[in-house]
Amino acid sequence: MSLQLQTGITAVEFHRIKFYPNPFEGEATIEIRGGGRNKIAVGLFNASGEKVLEMELIAPGKFTLHKGMLPSGIYLLVFEGEGVSERRKVMIQ
């Protein structure tokens, strides 16, 4: 006897995201692996919830985030796209 389940869920390839170093001073690396070749929207939000940086990345790949004129503090880095929905706490020194 075999049991077969139908869920109606489509398989999605997921991305693995690395962000380092954290905390960082001048620049940090975003490394996205796995999944298909997709656009991923990235937003950086300050402690007040304001979006201070927005970019679009084509995954997979390795990218550099520059501090620029951002003040030191704790930020939320948000990744959204097909196969990825992730949030990371980031500290800029």
C-alpha atoms as a PDB file:
ATOM      1  CA  MET A   1       0.000   0.000   0.000  1.00  0.00           C
ATOM      2  CA  SER A   2       1.336   3.476  -0.839  1.00  0.00           C
ATOM      3  CA  LEU A   3       0.195   6.856   0.317  1.00  0.00           C
ATOM      4  CA  GLN A   4       0.344   9.811  -2.048  1.00  0.00           C
ATOM      5  CA  LEU A   5      -0.277  13.376  -0.934  1.00  0.00           C
ATOM      6  CA  GLN A   6      -1.106  16.247  -3.219  1.00  0.00           C
ATOM      7  CA  THR A   7      -0.294  19.600  -1.684  1.00  0.00           C
ATOM      8  CA  GLY A   8      -0.623  21.997  -4.602  1.00  0.00           C
ATOM      9  CA  ILE A   9       2.674  23.609  -3.586  1.00  0.00           C
ATOM     10  CA  THR A  10       5.099  24.451  -6.381  1.00  0.00           C
ATOM     11  CA  ALA A  11       8.740  23.671  -5.706  1.00  0.00           C
ATOM     12  CA  VAL A  12      10.867  26.791  -5.356  1.00  0.00           C
ATOM     13  CA  GLU A  13      14.654  26.881  -5.285  1.00  0.00           C
ATOM     14  CA  PHE A  14      15.848  28.810  -2.257  1.00  0.00           C
ATOM     15  CA  HIS A  15      18.802  31.153  -2.000  1.00  0.00           C
ATOM     16  CA  ARG A  16      21.326  31.085   0.832  1.00  0.00           C
ATOM     17  CA  ILE A  17      22.523  34.516   1.937  1.00  0.00           C
ATOM     18  CA  LYS A  18      25.724  35.365   3.785  1.00  0.00           C
ATOM     19  CA  PHE A  19      26.512  38.846   5.055  1.00  0.00           C
ATOM     20  CA  TYR A  20      29.968  39.582   6.468  1.00  0.00           C
ATOM     21  CA  PRO A  21      31.635  41.029   8.412  1.00  0.00           C
ATOM     22  CA  ASN A  22      28.981  42.075  10.873  1.00  0.00           C
ATOM     23  CA  PRO A  23      29.560  44.570  12.413  1.00  0.00           C
ATOM     24  CA  PHE A  24      31.400  46.429   9.659  1.00  0.00           C
ATOM     25  CA  GLU A  25      33.076  49.811   9.238  1.00  0.00           C
ATOM     26  CA  GLY A  26      33.671  50.672   5.558  1.00  0.00           C
ATOM     27  CA  GLU A  27      32.164  47.891   3.479  1.00  0.00           C
ATOM     28  CA  ALA A  28      30.601  44.454   3.826  1.00  0.00           C
ATOM     29  CA  THR A  29      29.993  41.542   1.476  1.00  0.00           C
ATOM     30  CA  ILE A  30      26.613  40.094   0.525  1.00  0.00           C
ATOM     31  CA  GLU A  31      26.979  36.595  -0.904  1.00  0.00           C
ATOM     32  CA  ILE A  32      23.922  34.923  -2.429  1.00  0.00           C
ATOM     33  CA  ARG A  33      24.122  31.257  -3.411  1.00  0.00           C
ATOM     34  CA  GLY A  34      21.737  28.659  -4.722  1.00  0.00           C
ATOM     35  CA  GLY A  35      18.384  29.084  -6.358  1.00  0.00           C
ATOM     36  CA  GLY A  36      17.887  30.214  -9.911  1.00  0.00           C
ATOM     37  CA  ARG A  37      19.006  33.427 -11.550  1.00  0.00           C
ATOM     38  CA  ASN A  38      16.599  35.915  -9.990  1.00  0.00           C
ATOM     39  CA  LYS A  39      16.294  39.578  -9.127  1.00  0.00           C
ATOM     40  CA  ILE A  40      16.395  40.237  -5.397  1.00  0.00           C
ATOM     41  CA  ALA A  41      15.299  43.562  -3.941  1.00  0.00           C
ATOM     42  CA  VAL A  42      17.443  44.677  -1.018  1.00  0.00           C
ATOM     43  CA  GLY A  43      16.475  47.410   1.406  1.00  0.00           C
ATOM     44  CA  LEU A  44      18.404  48.816   4.352  1.00  0.00           C
ATOM     45  CA  PHE A  45      16.302  50.380   7.123  1.00  0.00           C
ATOM     46  CA  ASN A  46      17.498  52.470  10.053  1.00  0.00           C
ATOM     47  CA  ALA A  47      16.271  52.084  13.644  1.00  0.00           C
ATOM     48  CA  SER A  48      13.373  54.485  12.899  1.00  0.00           C
ATOM     49  CA  GLY A  49      12.141  52.232  10.090  1.00  0.00           C
ATOM     50  CA  GLU A  50      13.181  54.610   7.308  1.00  0.00           C
ATOM     51  CA  LYS A  51      14.565  53.040   4.141  1.00  0.00           C
ATOM     52  CA  VAL A  52      18.063  54.493   3.774  1.00  0.00           C
ATOM     53  CA  LEU A  53      19.294  52.318   0.910  1.00  0.00           C
ATOM     54  CA  GLU A  54      17.626  50.360  -1.875  1.00  0.00           C
ATOM     55  CA  MET A  55      19.186  48.188  -4.557  1.00  0.00           C
ATOM     56  CA  GLU A  56      18.365  45.307  -6.857  1.00  0.00           C
ATOM     57  CA  LEU A  57      20.747  42.372  -7.145  1.00  0.00           C
ATOM     58  CA  ILE A  58      20.838  39.527  -9.651  1.00  0.00           C
ATOM     59  CA  ALA A  59      21.412  36.286  -7.739  1.00  0.00           C
ATOM     60  CA  PRO A  60      23.477  34.224  -7.387  1.00  0.00           C
ATOM     61  CA  GLY A  61      26.533  36.416  -6.875  1.00  0.00           C
ATOM     62  CA  LYS A  62      28.804  38.332  -4.539  1.00  0.00           C
ATOM     63  CA  PHE A  63      28.165  42.033  -3.914  1.00  0.00           C
ATOM     64  CA  THR A  64      29.688  44.812  -1.824  1.00  0.00           C
ATOM     65  CA  LEU A  65      27.708  47.094   0.484  1.00  0.00           C
ATOM     66  CA  HIS A  66      29.490  50.417   1.103  1.00  0.00           C
ATOM     67  CA  LYS A  67      28.816  52.380   4.280  1.00  0.00           C
ATOM     68  CA  GLY A  68      29.055  55.679   2.456  1.00  0.00           C
ATOM     69  CA  MET A  69      27.583  58.499   4.556  1.00  0.00           C
ATOM     70  CA  LEU A  70      25.482  56.226   6.777  1.00  0.00           C
ATOM     71  CA  PRO A  71      25.959  56.927  10.481  1.00  0.00           C
ATOM     72  CA  SER A  72      26.990  54.214  12.924  1.00  0.00           C
ATOM     73  CA  GLY A  73      24.083  52.222  14.307  1.00  0.00           C
ATOM     74  CA  ILE A  74      21.894  49.162  13.988  1.00  0.00           C
ATOM     75  CA  TYR A  75      20.056  48.576  10.709  1.00  0.00           C
ATOM     76  CA  LEU A  76      17.712  45.985   9.241  1.00  0.00           C
ATOM     77  CA  LEU A  77      18.766  44.497   5.891  1.00  0.00           C
ATOM     78  CA  VAL A  78      15.751  43.072   4.015  1.00  0.00           C
ATOM     79  CA  PHE A  79      15.972  40.673   1.046  1.00  0.00           C
ATOM     80  CA  GLU A  80      12.832  39.992  -1.049  1.00  0.00           C
ATOM     81  CA  GLY A  81      12.467  38.060  -4.279  1.00  0.00           C
ATOM     82  CA  GLU A  82      11.497  34.724  -5.780  1.00  0.00           C
ATOM     83  CA  GLY A  83      12.827  32.032  -3.458  1.00  0.00           C
ATOM     84  CA  VAL A  84      14.020  34.498  -0.817  1.00  0.00           C
ATOM     85  CA  SER A  85      12.447  36.495   1.997  1.00  0.00           C
ATOM     86  CA  GLU A  86      14.957  37.228   4.682  1.00  0.00           C
ATOM     87  CA  ARG A  87      15.852  39.866   7.237  1.00  0.00           C
ATOM     88  CA  ARG A  88      19.219  40.461   8.899  1.00  0.00           C
ATOM     89  CA  LYS A  89      20.234  42.777  11.728  1.00  0.00           C
ATOM     90  CA  VAL A  90      23.342  44.721  10.660  1.00  0.00           C
ATOM     91  CA  MET A  91      25.609  46.908  12.755  1.00  0.00           C
ATOM     92  CA  ILE A  92      27.618  49.716  11.184  1.00  0.00           C
ATOM     93  CA  GLN A  93      30.506  51.003  13.308  1.00  0.00           C
END
